[in-house]
Amino acid sequence: MGYKRADDVLPESILKSLQKYVSGETIYVPKRNAGRKKWGSGTGVNEKLRLRNEQILELHRKGIAVKELAQKYYLTEKSIQRILKNMRAKPPMESENSGHGGNKIE
């Protein structure tokens, strides 16, 4: 990533304001949020994790213990508990049965 000289691209009034804070230093100006993609959106990781988390929730509802789920998915028990808590807080997906509810996290 190259850089541009501020005095070539910014109005003088903005340049003077910037110089009050950083003068002679290199700074990074991030893109606006509107142009940024969400983490994992380009690789499909979000979808893979969502599907994995739905599987974890379904298996736990079928009676699989948190400890066993942690071993199966190579995660800590705390991570499994967090996934279960977060999945229960979300509205059910089309593929889930909404009749399940309120099982205790071990």
C-alpha atoms as a PDB file:
ATOM      1  CA  MET A   1       0.000   0.000   0.000  1.00  0.00           C
ATOM      2  CA  GLY A   2       1.479   3.305  -1.057  1.00  0.00           C
ATOM      3  CA  TYR A   3       0.943   6.607   0.605  1.00  0.00           C
ATOM      4  CA  LYS A   4      -0.151   9.997  -0.633  1.00  0.00           C
ATOM      5  CA  ARG A   5       1.109  13.359   0.500  1.00  0.00           C
ATOM      6  CA  ALA A   6      -1.544  15.117   2.559  1.00  0.00           C
ATOM      7  CA  ASP A   7      -0.756  18.479   0.981  1.00  0.00           C
ATOM      8  CA  ASP A   8      -1.525  16.943  -2.436  1.00  0.00           C
ATOM      9  CA  VAL A   9      -4.967  15.578  -1.511  1.00  0.00           C
ATOM     10  CA  LEU A  10      -6.374  17.600   1.419  1.00  0.00           C
ATOM     11  CA  PRO A  11      -7.664  21.148   1.551  1.00  0.00           C
ATOM     12  CA  GLU A  12      -5.303  23.511   3.386  1.00  0.00           C
ATOM     13  CA  SER A  13      -7.737  24.017   6.295  1.00  0.00           C
ATOM     14  CA  ILE A  14      -7.926  20.273   6.988  1.00  0.00           C
ATOM     15  CA  LEU A  15      -4.162  19.932   6.594  1.00  0.00           C
ATOM     16  CA  LYS A  16      -3.570  22.656   9.207  1.00  0.00           C
ATOM     17  CA  SER A  17      -5.998  20.937  11.593  1.00  0.00           C
ATOM     18  CA  LEU A  18      -4.200  17.607  11.151  1.00  0.00           C
ATOM     19  CA  GLN A  19      -0.831  19.234  11.747  1.00  0.00           C
ATOM     20  CA  LYS A  20      -1.988  20.191  15.258  1.00  0.00           C
ATOM     21  CA  TYR A  21      -2.081  16.468  16.092  1.00  0.00           C
ATOM     22  CA  VAL A  22       0.478  14.846  13.775  1.00  0.00           C
ATOM     23  CA  SER A  23       3.129  16.826  11.997  1.00  0.00           C
ATOM     24  CA  GLY A  24       5.733  15.061   9.900  1.00  0.00           C
ATOM     25  CA  GLU A  25       4.431  11.601  10.875  1.00  0.00           C
ATOM     26  CA  THR A  26       2.841   8.863   8.797  1.00  0.00           C
ATOM     27  CA  ILE A  27      -0.786   8.124   9.641  1.00  0.00           C
ATOM     28  CA  TYR A  28      -3.269   5.592   8.315  1.00  0.00           C
ATOM     29  CA  VAL A  29      -6.771   6.737   7.357  1.00  0.00           C
ATOM     30  CA  PRO A  30      -9.106   3.714   7.333  1.00  0.00           C
ATOM     31  CA  LYS A  31     -11.864   3.218   4.780  1.00  0.00           C
ATOM     32  CA  ARG A  32     -15.383   4.157   5.743  1.00  0.00           C
ATOM     33  CA  ASN A  33     -17.353   1.308   7.338  1.00  0.00           C
ATOM     34  CA  ALA A  34     -19.861   1.287   4.493  1.00  0.00           C
ATOM     35  CA  GLY A  35     -17.191  -0.027   2.129  1.00  0.00           C
ATOM     36  CA  ARG A  36     -15.880  -2.726   4.435  1.00  0.00           C
ATOM     37  CA  LYS A  37     -16.898  -6.349   4.282  1.00  0.00           C
ATOM     38  CA  LYS A  38     -17.722  -8.219   7.456  1.00  0.00           C
ATOM     39  CA  TRP A  39     -15.182 -10.707   8.746  1.00  0.00           C
ATOM     40  CA  GLY A  40     -15.402 -14.029   6.912  1.00  0.00           C
ATOM     41  CA  SER A  41     -17.912 -12.824   4.326  1.00  0.00           C
ATOM     42  CA  GLY A  42     -15.553 -13.349   1.401  1.00  0.00           C
ATOM     43  CA  THR A  43     -14.447 -16.849   2.404  1.00  0.00           C
ATOM     44  CA  GLY A  44     -17.681 -18.411   3.644  1.00  0.00           C
ATOM     45  CA  VAL A  45     -16.252 -18.914   7.126  1.00  0.00           C
ATOM     46  CA  ASN A  46     -19.295 -17.270   8.744  1.00  0.00           C
ATOM     47  CA  GLU A  47     -21.635 -19.775   7.113  1.00  0.00           C
ATOM     48  CA  LYS A  48     -19.432 -22.732   8.091  1.00  0.00           C
ATOM     49  CA  LEU A  49     -19.325 -21.564  11.704  1.00  0.00           C
ATOM     50  CA  ARG A  50     -23.075 -20.975  11.777  1.00  0.00           C
ATOM     51  CA  LEU A  51     -23.712 -24.511  10.512  1.00  0.00           C
ATOM     52  CA  ARG A  52     -21.232 -25.963  13.022  1.00  0.00           C
ATOM     53  CA  ASN A  53     -22.865 -24.055  15.857  1.00  0.00           C
ATOM     54  CA  GLU A  54     -26.323 -25.262  14.803  1.00  0.00           C
ATOM     55  CA  GLN A  55     -24.996 -28.839  14.862  1.00  0.00           C
ATOM     56  CA  ILE A  56     -23.571 -28.284  18.344  1.00  0.00           C
ATOM     57  CA  LEU A  57     -26.918 -26.960  19.589  1.00  0.00           C
ATOM     58  CA  GLU A  58     -28.857 -29.841  18.037  1.00  0.00           C
ATOM     59  CA  LEU A  59     -26.502 -32.478  19.457  1.00  0.00           C
ATOM     60  CA  HIS A  60     -26.718 -30.896  22.906  1.00  0.00           C
ATOM     61  CA  ARG A  61     -30.517 -30.924  22.682  1.00  0.00           C
ATOM     62  CA  LYS A  62     -30.261 -34.646  21.908  1.00  0.00           C
ATOM     63  CA  GLY A  63     -28.380 -35.163  25.167  1.00  0.00           C
ATOM     64  CA  ILE A  64     -24.710 -34.934  24.192  1.00  0.00           C
ATOM     65  CA  ALA A  65     -22.732 -33.446  27.088  1.00  0.00           C
ATOM     66  CA  VAL A  66     -20.736 -30.223  26.783  1.00  0.00           C
ATOM     67  CA  LYS A  67     -17.514 -32.100  27.547  1.00  0.00           C
ATOM     68  CA  GLU A  68     -18.119 -34.561  24.708  1.00  0.00           C
ATOM     69  CA  LEU A  69     -19.009 -31.746  22.280  1.00  0.00           C
ATOM     70  CA  ALA A  70     -15.799 -29.934  23.219  1.00  0.00           C
ATOM     71  CA  GLN A  71     -13.765 -33.046  22.382  1.00  0.00           C
ATOM     72  CA  LYS A  72     -15.669 -33.698  19.139  1.00  0.00           C
ATOM     73  CA  TYR A  73     -15.213 -30.131  17.823  1.00  0.00           C
ATOM     74  CA  TYR A  74     -11.756 -29.490  19.328  1.00  0.00           C
ATOM     75  CA  LEU A  75     -13.047 -26.575  21.403  1.00  0.00           C
ATOM     76  CA  THR A  76     -12.941 -25.766  25.105  1.00  0.00           C
ATOM     77  CA  GLU A  77     -15.970 -26.499  27.258  1.00  0.00           C
ATOM     78  CA  LYS A  78     -16.263 -22.749  27.841  1.00  0.00           C
ATOM     79  CA  SER A  79     -16.438 -22.184  24.060  1.00  0.00           C
ATOM     80  CA  ILE A  80     -19.188 -24.789  23.718  1.00  0.00           C
ATOM     81  CA  GLN A  81     -21.130 -23.153  26.549  1.00  0.00           C
ATOM     82  CA  ARG A  82     -20.761 -19.741  24.871  1.00  0.00           C
ATOM     83  CA  ILE A  83     -21.958 -21.160  21.534  1.00  0.00           C
ATOM     84  CA  LEU A  84     -24.992 -22.758  23.198  1.00  0.00           C
ATOM     85  CA  LYS A  85     -25.848 -19.542  25.008  1.00  0.00           C
ATOM     86  CA  ASN A  86     -25.520 -17.451  21.819  1.00  0.00           C
ATOM     87  CA  MET A  87     -27.473 -19.908  19.667  1.00  0.00           C
ATOM     88  CA  ARG A  88     -30.358 -19.948  22.140  1.00  0.00           C
ATOM     89  CA  ALA A  89     -30.484 -16.152  22.174  1.00  0.00           C
ATOM     90  CA  LYS A  90     -30.949 -15.988  18.374  1.00  0.00           C
ATOM     91  CA  PRO A  91     -34.321 -16.522  16.695  1.00  0.00           C
ATOM     92  CA  PRO A  92     -34.640 -20.048  15.270  1.00  0.00           C
ATOM     93  CA  MET A  93     -33.483 -20.623  11.686  1.00  0.00           C
ATOM     94  CA  GLU A  94     -35.828 -22.226   9.139  1.00  0.00           C
ATOM     95  CA  SER A  95     -33.972 -25.524   9.491  1.00  0.00           C
ATOM     96  CA  GLU A  96     -34.421 -25.695  13.253  1.00  0.00           C
ATOM     97  CA  ASN A  97     -37.479 -26.908  15.092  1.00  0.00           C
ATOM     98  CA  SER A  98     -38.763 -24.034  17.180  1.00  0.00           C
ATOM     99  CA  GLY A  99     -40.423 -26.482  19.588  1.00  0.00           C
ATOM    100  CA  HIS A 100     -37.156 -27.103  21.439  1.00  0.00           C
ATOM    101  CA  GLY A 101     -36.402 -24.930  24.332  1.00  0.00           C
ATOM    102  CA  GLY A 102     -34.654 -24.120  27.543  1.00  0.00           C
ATOM    103  CA  ASN A 103     -32.358 -27.121  28.080  1.00  0.00           C
ATOM    104  CA  LYS A 104     -29.840 -26.524  30.816  1.00  0.00           C
ATOM    105  CA  ILE A 105     -26.204 -26.021  29.813  1.00  0.00           C
ATOM    106  CA  GLU A 106     -24.015 -28.447  31.744  1.00  0.00           C
END
